[in-house]
């Protein structure tokens, strides 16, 4: 007699609501950032505030999901997509304003889109959960973007902050590439196990 399986958490729950809130805040953040070509201090601070709030939802949705047993397959997929949407919007916005090199935005965007594609590629075999390295990468990107969102007219010395945010972004890019390779390897291993299991069941 097989053991009863635990019922899956409901799709509509607080953790998933926070994830969806992060997605909703993405266009709000981008609109605030681009007002007056990013040169209006008030709107710039507003954009930074929205970015901080959206980033905090990433901190709490996963914590709530794990502590309250609200982990769902939807959440495991939607959470990293929401992260990438927020990060991507920030990077594209900063590049449109001429404050961040397009090659940085392109490298990170290609990695993030590639990882998302990998998740869907192996979805039939399982879900690739966020790794510690991936979470560290997200944290590094968030901090670096936060420094870039700071109006340099309000910080002193501006040159020092400018150098600091460049190095922070360099670290974020390095972590982005390293963890991207890790996800590729994990996806290949997961798919290989899934294919092997399917062949064992069918006897082929």
C-alpha atoms as a PDB file:
ATOM      1  CA  UNK A   1       0.000   0.000   0.000  1.00  0.00           C
ATOM      2  CA  UNK A   2       1.502   3.319  -1.031  1.00  0.00           C
ATOM      3  CA  UNK A   3       1.945   6.099   1.506  1.00  0.00           C
ATOM      4  CA  UNK A   4      -0.412   9.059   1.114  1.00  0.00           C
ATOM      5  CA  UNK A   5       1.224  12.065  -0.484  1.00  0.00           C
ATOM      6  CA  UNK A   6       0.982  15.507   1.084  1.00  0.00           C
ATOM      7  CA  UNK A   7      -1.493  17.827  -0.682  1.00  0.00           C
ATOM      8  CA  UNK A   8       0.143  20.516  -2.784  1.00  0.00           C
ATOM      9  CA  UNK A   9      -0.024  24.050  -1.429  1.00  0.00           C
ATOM     10  CA  UNK A  10      -2.812  26.204  -2.929  1.00  0.00           C
ATOM     11  CA  UNK A  11      -1.799  28.276  -5.914  1.00  0.00           C
ATOM     12  CA  UNK A  12      -3.263  31.455  -4.440  1.00  0.00           C
ATOM     13  CA  UNK A  13      -1.191  32.152  -1.340  1.00  0.00           C
ATOM     14  CA  UNK A  14       0.798  34.967   0.261  1.00  0.00           C
ATOM     15  CA  UNK A  15       4.147  33.873  -1.166  1.00  0.00           C
ATOM     16  CA  UNK A  16       2.858  33.779  -4.744  1.00  0.00           C
ATOM     17  CA  UNK A  17       1.045  37.095  -4.187  1.00  0.00           C
ATOM     18  CA  UNK A  18       4.355  38.736  -3.256  1.00  0.00           C
ATOM     19  CA  UNK A  19       5.943  37.271  -6.373  1.00  0.00           C
ATOM     20  CA  UNK A  20       3.153  38.699  -8.540  1.00  0.00           C
ATOM     21  CA  UNK A  21       3.466  42.060  -6.752  1.00  0.00           C
ATOM     22  CA  UNK A  22       7.126  42.148  -7.789  1.00  0.00           C
ATOM     23  CA  UNK A  23       6.087  41.655 -11.408  1.00  0.00           C
ATOM     24  CA  UNK A  24       3.479  44.421 -11.151  1.00  0.00           C
ATOM     25  CA  UNK A  25       6.069  46.830  -9.723  1.00  0.00           C
ATOM     26  CA  UNK A  26       8.463  46.327 -12.645  1.00  0.00           C
ATOM     27  CA  UNK A  27       6.743  48.730 -15.107  1.00  0.00           C
ATOM     28  CA  UNK A  28       6.117  51.215 -12.260  1.00  0.00           C
ATOM     29  CA  UNK A  29       9.820  51.213 -11.405  1.00  0.00           C
ATOM     30  CA  UNK A  30      10.876  51.627 -15.041  1.00  0.00           C
ATOM     31  CA  UNK A  31       8.443  54.505 -15.589  1.00  0.00           C
ATOM     32  CA  UNK A  32       9.758  56.348 -12.528  1.00  0.00           C
ATOM     33  CA  UNK A  33      13.371  55.756 -13.587  1.00  0.00           C
ATOM     34  CA  UNK A  34      12.942  57.205 -17.062  1.00  0.00           C
ATOM     35  CA  UNK A  35      11.119  60.398 -16.053  1.00  0.00           C
ATOM     36  CA  UNK A  36      13.112  63.422 -17.276  1.00  0.00           C
ATOM     37  CA  UNK A  37      15.820  61.056 -18.590  1.00  0.00           C
ATOM     38  CA  UNK A  38      16.611  59.948 -15.049  1.00  0.00           C
ATOM     39  CA  UNK A  39      17.857  63.411 -14.095  1.00  0.00           C
ATOM     40  CA  UNK A  40      15.033  64.380 -11.748  1.00  0.00           C
ATOM     41  CA  UNK A  41      16.228  63.626  -8.219  1.00  0.00           C
ATOM     42  CA  UNK A  42      12.755  63.084  -6.787  1.00  0.00           C
ATOM     43  CA  UNK A  43      11.654  60.599  -9.432  1.00  0.00           C
ATOM     44  CA  UNK A  44      15.044  58.922  -9.271  1.00  0.00           C
ATOM     45  CA  UNK A  45      14.620  58.387  -5.530  1.00  0.00           C
ATOM     46  CA  UNK A  46      11.070  57.138  -6.136  1.00  0.00           C
ATOM     47  CA  UNK A  47      12.406  54.607  -8.651  1.00  0.00           C
ATOM     48  CA  UNK A  48      15.002  53.502  -6.122  1.00  0.00           C
ATOM     49  CA  UNK A  49      12.300  53.120  -3.482  1.00  0.00           C
ATOM     50  CA  UNK A  50      10.143  50.954  -5.752  1.00  0.00           C
ATOM     51  CA  UNK A  51      13.208  48.860  -6.608  1.00  0.00           C
ATOM     52  CA  UNK A  52      13.943  48.318  -2.908  1.00  0.00           C
ATOM     53  CA  UNK A  53      10.337  47.314  -2.166  1.00  0.00           C
ATOM     54  CA  UNK A  54      10.266  44.934  -5.131  1.00  0.00           C
ATOM     55  CA  UNK A  55      13.592  43.433  -4.079  1.00  0.00           C
ATOM     56  CA  UNK A  56      12.304  42.903  -0.536  1.00  0.00           C
ATOM     57  CA  UNK A  57       9.378  40.869  -1.874  1.00  0.00           C
ATOM     58  CA  UNK A  58      11.989  38.490  -3.279  1.00  0.00           C
ATOM     59  CA  UNK A  59      13.483  38.161   0.188  1.00  0.00           C
ATOM     60  CA  UNK A  60      10.176  37.386   1.858  1.00  0.00           C
ATOM     61  CA  UNK A  61       8.214  35.343  -0.690  1.00  0.00           C
ATOM     62  CA  UNK A  62      10.662  32.448  -0.583  1.00  0.00           C
ATOM     63  CA  UNK A  63      10.993  32.625   3.191  1.00  0.00           C
ATOM     64  CA  UNK A  64       7.220  32.590   3.660  1.00  0.00           C
ATOM     65  CA  UNK A  65       6.757  29.777   1.147  1.00  0.00           C
ATOM     66  CA  UNK A  66       9.269  27.541   2.933  1.00  0.00           C
ATOM     67  CA  UNK A  67       8.244  28.346   6.512  1.00  0.00           C
ATOM     68  CA  UNK A  68       4.500  27.958   5.891  1.00  0.00           C
ATOM     69  CA  UNK A  69       4.601  25.054   3.463  1.00  0.00           C
ATOM     70  CA  UNK A  70       3.408  27.197   0.563  1.00  0.00           C
ATOM     71  CA  UNK A  71       5.978  26.052  -1.997  1.00  0.00           C
ATOM     72  CA  UNK A  72       4.328  25.449  -5.372  1.00  0.00           C
ATOM     73  CA  UNK A  73       5.661  24.590  -8.809  1.00  0.00           C
ATOM     74  CA  UNK A  74       4.223  27.879 -10.027  1.00  0.00           C
ATOM     75  CA  UNK A  75       6.149  29.781  -7.363  1.00  0.00           C
ATOM     76  CA  UNK A  76       9.385  27.967  -8.127  1.00  0.00           C
ATOM     77  CA  UNK A  77       9.104  29.051 -11.761  1.00  0.00           C
ATOM     78  CA  UNK A  78       7.498  32.486 -11.332  1.00  0.00           C
ATOM     79  CA  UNK A  79       9.884  33.653  -8.589  1.00  0.00           C
ATOM     80  CA  UNK A  80      13.078  33.602 -10.703  1.00  0.00           C
ATOM     81  CA  UNK A  81      11.148  35.037 -13.673  1.00  0.00           C
ATOM     82  CA  UNK A  82      10.034  37.964 -11.502  1.00  0.00           C
ATOM     83  CA  UNK A  83      13.644  38.449 -10.364  1.00  0.00           C
ATOM     84  CA  UNK A  84      14.861  38.526 -13.939  1.00  0.00           C
ATOM     85  CA  UNK A  85      12.107  40.933 -14.996  1.00  0.00           C
ATOM     86  CA  UNK A  86      13.042  43.394 -12.247  1.00  0.00           C
ATOM     87  CA  UNK A  87      16.772  43.108 -12.843  1.00  0.00           C
ATOM     88  CA  UNK A  88      16.348  43.274 -16.609  1.00  0.00           C
ATOM     89  CA  UNK A  89      14.174  46.377 -16.405  1.00  0.00           C
ATOM     90  CA  UNK A  90      16.740  48.101 -14.191  1.00  0.00           C
ATOM     91  CA  UNK A  91      19.674  47.220 -16.452  1.00  0.00           C
ATOM     92  CA  UNK A  92      17.878  48.218 -19.657  1.00  0.00           C
ATOM     93  CA  UNK A  93      16.707  51.453 -18.055  1.00  0.00           C
ATOM     94  CA  UNK A  94      20.200  52.359 -16.883  1.00  0.00           C
ATOM     95  CA  UNK A  95      21.630  51.545 -20.310  1.00  0.00           C
ATOM     96  CA  UNK A  96      18.966  53.664 -22.034  1.00  0.00           C
ATOM     97  CA  UNK A  97      20.035  56.526 -19.783  1.00  0.00           C
ATOM     98  CA  UNK A  98      23.656  55.976 -20.821  1.00  0.00           C
ATOM     99  CA  UNK A  99      24.748  55.167 -17.273  1.00  0.00           C
ATOM    100  CA  UNK A 100      25.573  51.490 -17.812  1.00  0.00           C
ATOM    101  CA  UNK A 101      27.350  49.913 -20.775  1.00  0.00           C
ATOM    102  CA  UNK A 102      25.054  47.923 -23.046  1.00  0.00           C
ATOM    103  CA  UNK A 103      27.473  44.982 -23.056  1.00  0.00           C
ATOM    104  CA  UNK A 104      26.859  44.506 -19.326  1.00  0.00           C
ATOM    105  CA  UNK A 105      23.109  44.496 -19.851  1.00  0.00           C
ATOM    106  CA  UNK A 106      23.455  42.131 -22.812  1.00  0.00           C
ATOM    107  CA  UNK A 107      25.659  39.616 -20.983  1.00  0.00           C
ATOM    108  CA  UNK A 108      23.350  39.470 -17.983  1.00  0.00           C
ATOM    109  CA  UNK A 109      20.192  39.369 -20.135  1.00  0.00           C
ATOM    110  CA  UNK A 110      21.503  36.499 -22.280  1.00  0.00           C
ATOM    111  CA  UNK A 111      22.442  34.534 -19.166  1.00  0.00           C
ATOM    112  CA  UNK A 112      19.073  35.124 -17.488  1.00  0.00           C
ATOM    113  CA  UNK A 113      17.054  34.284 -20.595  1.00  0.00           C
ATOM    114  CA  UNK A 114      19.204  31.207 -21.138  1.00  0.00           C
ATOM    115  CA  UNK A 115      18.619  29.946 -17.610  1.00  0.00           C
ATOM    116  CA  UNK A 116      14.874  30.541 -17.968  1.00  0.00           C
ATOM    117  CA  UNK A 117      14.885  28.561 -21.218  1.00  0.00           C
ATOM    118  CA  UNK A 118      16.795  25.763 -19.480  1.00  0.00           C
ATOM    119  CA  UNK A 119      14.168  25.640 -16.725  1.00  0.00           C
ATOM    120  CA  UNK A 120      11.405  25.114 -19.270  1.00  0.00           C
ATOM    121  CA  UNK A 121      13.542  22.659 -21.276  1.00  0.00           C
ATOM    122  CA  UNK A 122      13.856  20.290 -18.326  1.00  0.00           C
ATOM    123  CA  UNK A 123      10.486  21.056 -16.717  1.00  0.00           C
ATOM    124  CA  UNK A 124       9.078  17.625 -17.621  1.00  0.00           C
ATOM    125  CA  UNK A 125      11.934  16.048 -15.672  1.00  0.00           C
ATOM    126  CA  UNK A 126      11.823  18.362 -12.647  1.00  0.00           C
ATOM    127  CA  UNK A 127      12.248  21.930 -11.446  1.00  0.00           C
ATOM    128  CA  UNK A 128      15.680  23.526 -11.094  1.00  0.00           C
ATOM    129  CA  UNK A 129      15.451  25.342  -7.779  1.00  0.00           C
ATOM    130  CA  UNK A 130      17.504  28.458  -7.147  1.00  0.00           C
ATOM    131  CA  UNK A 131      20.968  27.575  -5.874  1.00  0.00           C
ATOM    132  CA  UNK A 132      22.969  29.397  -3.218  1.00  0.00           C
ATOM    133  CA  UNK A 133      25.198  30.708  -5.972  1.00  0.00           C
ATOM    134  CA  UNK A 134      22.156  31.966  -7.855  1.00  0.00           C
ATOM    135  CA  UNK A 135      20.870  33.731  -4.763  1.00  0.00           C
ATOM    136  CA  UNK A 136      24.291  35.300  -4.193  1.00  0.00           C
ATOM    137  CA  UNK A 137      24.301  36.439  -7.812  1.00  0.00           C
ATOM    138  CA  UNK A 138      20.887  38.031  -7.362  1.00  0.00           C
ATOM    139  CA  UNK A 139      22.052  39.794  -4.203  1.00  0.00           C
ATOM    140  CA  UNK A 140      25.181  41.100  -5.953  1.00  0.00           C
ATOM    141  CA  UNK A 141      23.124  42.373  -8.889  1.00  0.00           C
ATOM    142  CA  UNK A 142      20.619  44.023  -6.554  1.00  0.00           C
ATOM    143  CA  UNK A 143      23.318  45.842  -4.577  1.00  0.00           C
ATOM    144  CA  UNK A 144      25.136  46.961  -7.729  1.00  0.00           C
ATOM    145  CA  UNK A 145      21.928  48.234  -9.323  1.00  0.00           C
ATOM    146  CA  UNK A 146      21.019  49.978  -6.074  1.00  0.00           C
ATOM    147  CA  UNK A 147      24.277  51.932  -6.226  1.00  0.00           C
ATOM    148  CA  UNK A 148      23.638  52.844  -9.864  1.00  0.00           C
ATOM    149  CA  UNK A 149      20.174  54.121  -8.959  1.00  0.00           C
ATOM    150  CA  UNK A 150      21.608  56.544  -6.390  1.00  0.00           C
ATOM    151  CA  UNK A 151      21.514  60.136  -7.678  1.00  0.00           C
ATOM    152  CA  UNK A 152      25.205  61.102  -7.666  1.00  0.00           C
ATOM    153  CA  UNK A 153      24.202  64.669  -6.893  1.00  0.00           C
ATOM    154  CA  UNK A 154      23.151  63.526  -3.417  1.00  0.00           C
ATOM    155  CA  UNK A 155      26.218  61.464  -2.525  1.00  0.00           C
ATOM    156  CA  UNK A 156      29.767  62.541  -1.783  1.00  0.00           C
ATOM    157  CA  UNK A 157      32.298  62.044  -3.058  1.00  0.00           C
ATOM    158  CA  UNK A 158      30.491  61.195  -6.295  1.00  0.00           C
ATOM    159  CA  UNK A 159      33.681  59.900  -7.957  1.00  0.00           C
ATOM    160  CA  UNK A 160      34.231  57.359  -5.169  1.00  0.00           C
ATOM    161  CA  UNK A 161      30.660  56.108  -5.439  1.00  0.00           C
ATOM    162  CA  UNK A 162      31.078  55.881  -9.195  1.00  0.00           C
ATOM    163  CA  UNK A 163      34.140  53.643  -8.830  1.00  0.00           C
ATOM    164  CA  UNK A 164      32.449  51.551  -6.125  1.00  0.00           C
ATOM    165  CA  UNK A 165      29.376  50.829  -8.209  1.00  0.00           C
ATOM    166  CA  UNK A 166      31.560  49.867 -11.202  1.00  0.00           C
ATOM    167  CA  UNK A 167      33.381  47.257  -9.136  1.00  0.00           C
ATOM    168  CA  UNK A 168      30.145  45.999  -7.606  1.00  0.00           C
ATOM    169  CA  UNK A 169      28.701  45.505 -11.076  1.00  0.00           C
ATOM    170  CA  UNK A 170      31.891  43.731 -12.207  1.00  0.00           C
ATOM    171  CA  UNK A 171      31.483  41.275  -9.321  1.00  0.00           C
ATOM    172  CA  UNK A 172      27.821  40.794 -10.235  1.00  0.00           C
ATOM    173  CA  UNK A 173      28.711  40.055 -13.865  1.00  0.00           C
ATOM    174  CA  UNK A 174      31.348  37.505 -12.806  1.00  0.00           C
ATOM    175  CA  UNK A 175      28.865  35.729 -10.528  1.00  0.00           C
ATOM    176  CA  UNK A 176      26.286  35.852 -13.315  1.00  0.00           C
ATOM    177  CA  UNK A 177      28.583  33.981 -15.705  1.00  0.00           C
ATOM    178  CA  UNK A 178      29.808  31.412 -13.160  1.00  0.00           C
ATOM    179  CA  UNK A 179      26.339  30.561 -11.883  1.00  0.00           C
ATOM    180  CA  UNK A 180      25.030  30.441 -15.452  1.00  0.00           C
ATOM    181  CA  UNK A 181      27.482  27.651 -16.219  1.00  0.00           C
ATOM    182  CA  UNK A 182      26.410  25.872 -13.035  1.00  0.00           C
ATOM    183  CA  UNK A 183      22.756  25.974 -14.132  1.00  0.00           C
ATOM    184  CA  UNK A 184      23.677  24.517 -17.516  1.00  0.00           C
ATOM    185  CA  UNK A 185      25.407  21.577 -15.825  1.00  0.00           C
ATOM    186  CA  UNK A 186      22.521  21.066 -13.400  1.00  0.00           C
ATOM    187  CA  UNK A 187      19.996  21.122 -16.247  1.00  0.00           C
ATOM    188  CA  UNK A 188      21.970  18.554 -18.229  1.00  0.00           C
ATOM    189  CA  UNK A 189      22.248  16.264 -15.192  1.00  0.00           C
ATOM    190  CA  UNK A 190      18.535  16.609 -14.419  1.00  0.00           C
ATOM    191  CA  UNK A 191      17.554  15.833 -17.985  1.00  0.00           C
ATOM    192  CA  UNK A 192      19.897  12.853 -18.114  1.00  0.00           C
ATOM    193  CA  UNK A 193      18.361  11.422 -14.925  1.00  0.00           C
ATOM    194  CA  UNK A 194      14.870  12.013 -16.288  1.00  0.00           C
ATOM    195  CA  UNK A 195      15.630  10.307 -19.590  1.00  0.00           C
ATOM    196  CA  UNK A 196      17.268   7.382 -17.798  1.00  0.00           C
ATOM    197  CA  UNK A 197      14.263   6.985 -15.500  1.00  0.00           C
ATOM    198  CA  UNK A 198      11.850   7.092 -18.445  1.00  0.00           C
ATOM    199  CA  UNK A 199      13.836   4.431 -20.272  1.00  0.00           C
ATOM    200  CA  UNK A 200      13.879   2.258 -17.154  1.00  0.00           C
ATOM    201  CA  UNK A 201      10.085   2.441 -16.941  1.00  0.00           C
ATOM    202  CA  UNK A 202       9.499   1.712 -20.625  1.00  0.00           C
ATOM    203  CA  UNK A 203      12.292  -0.856 -20.798  1.00  0.00           C
ATOM    204  CA  UNK A 204      13.863   0.776 -23.835  1.00  0.00           C
END
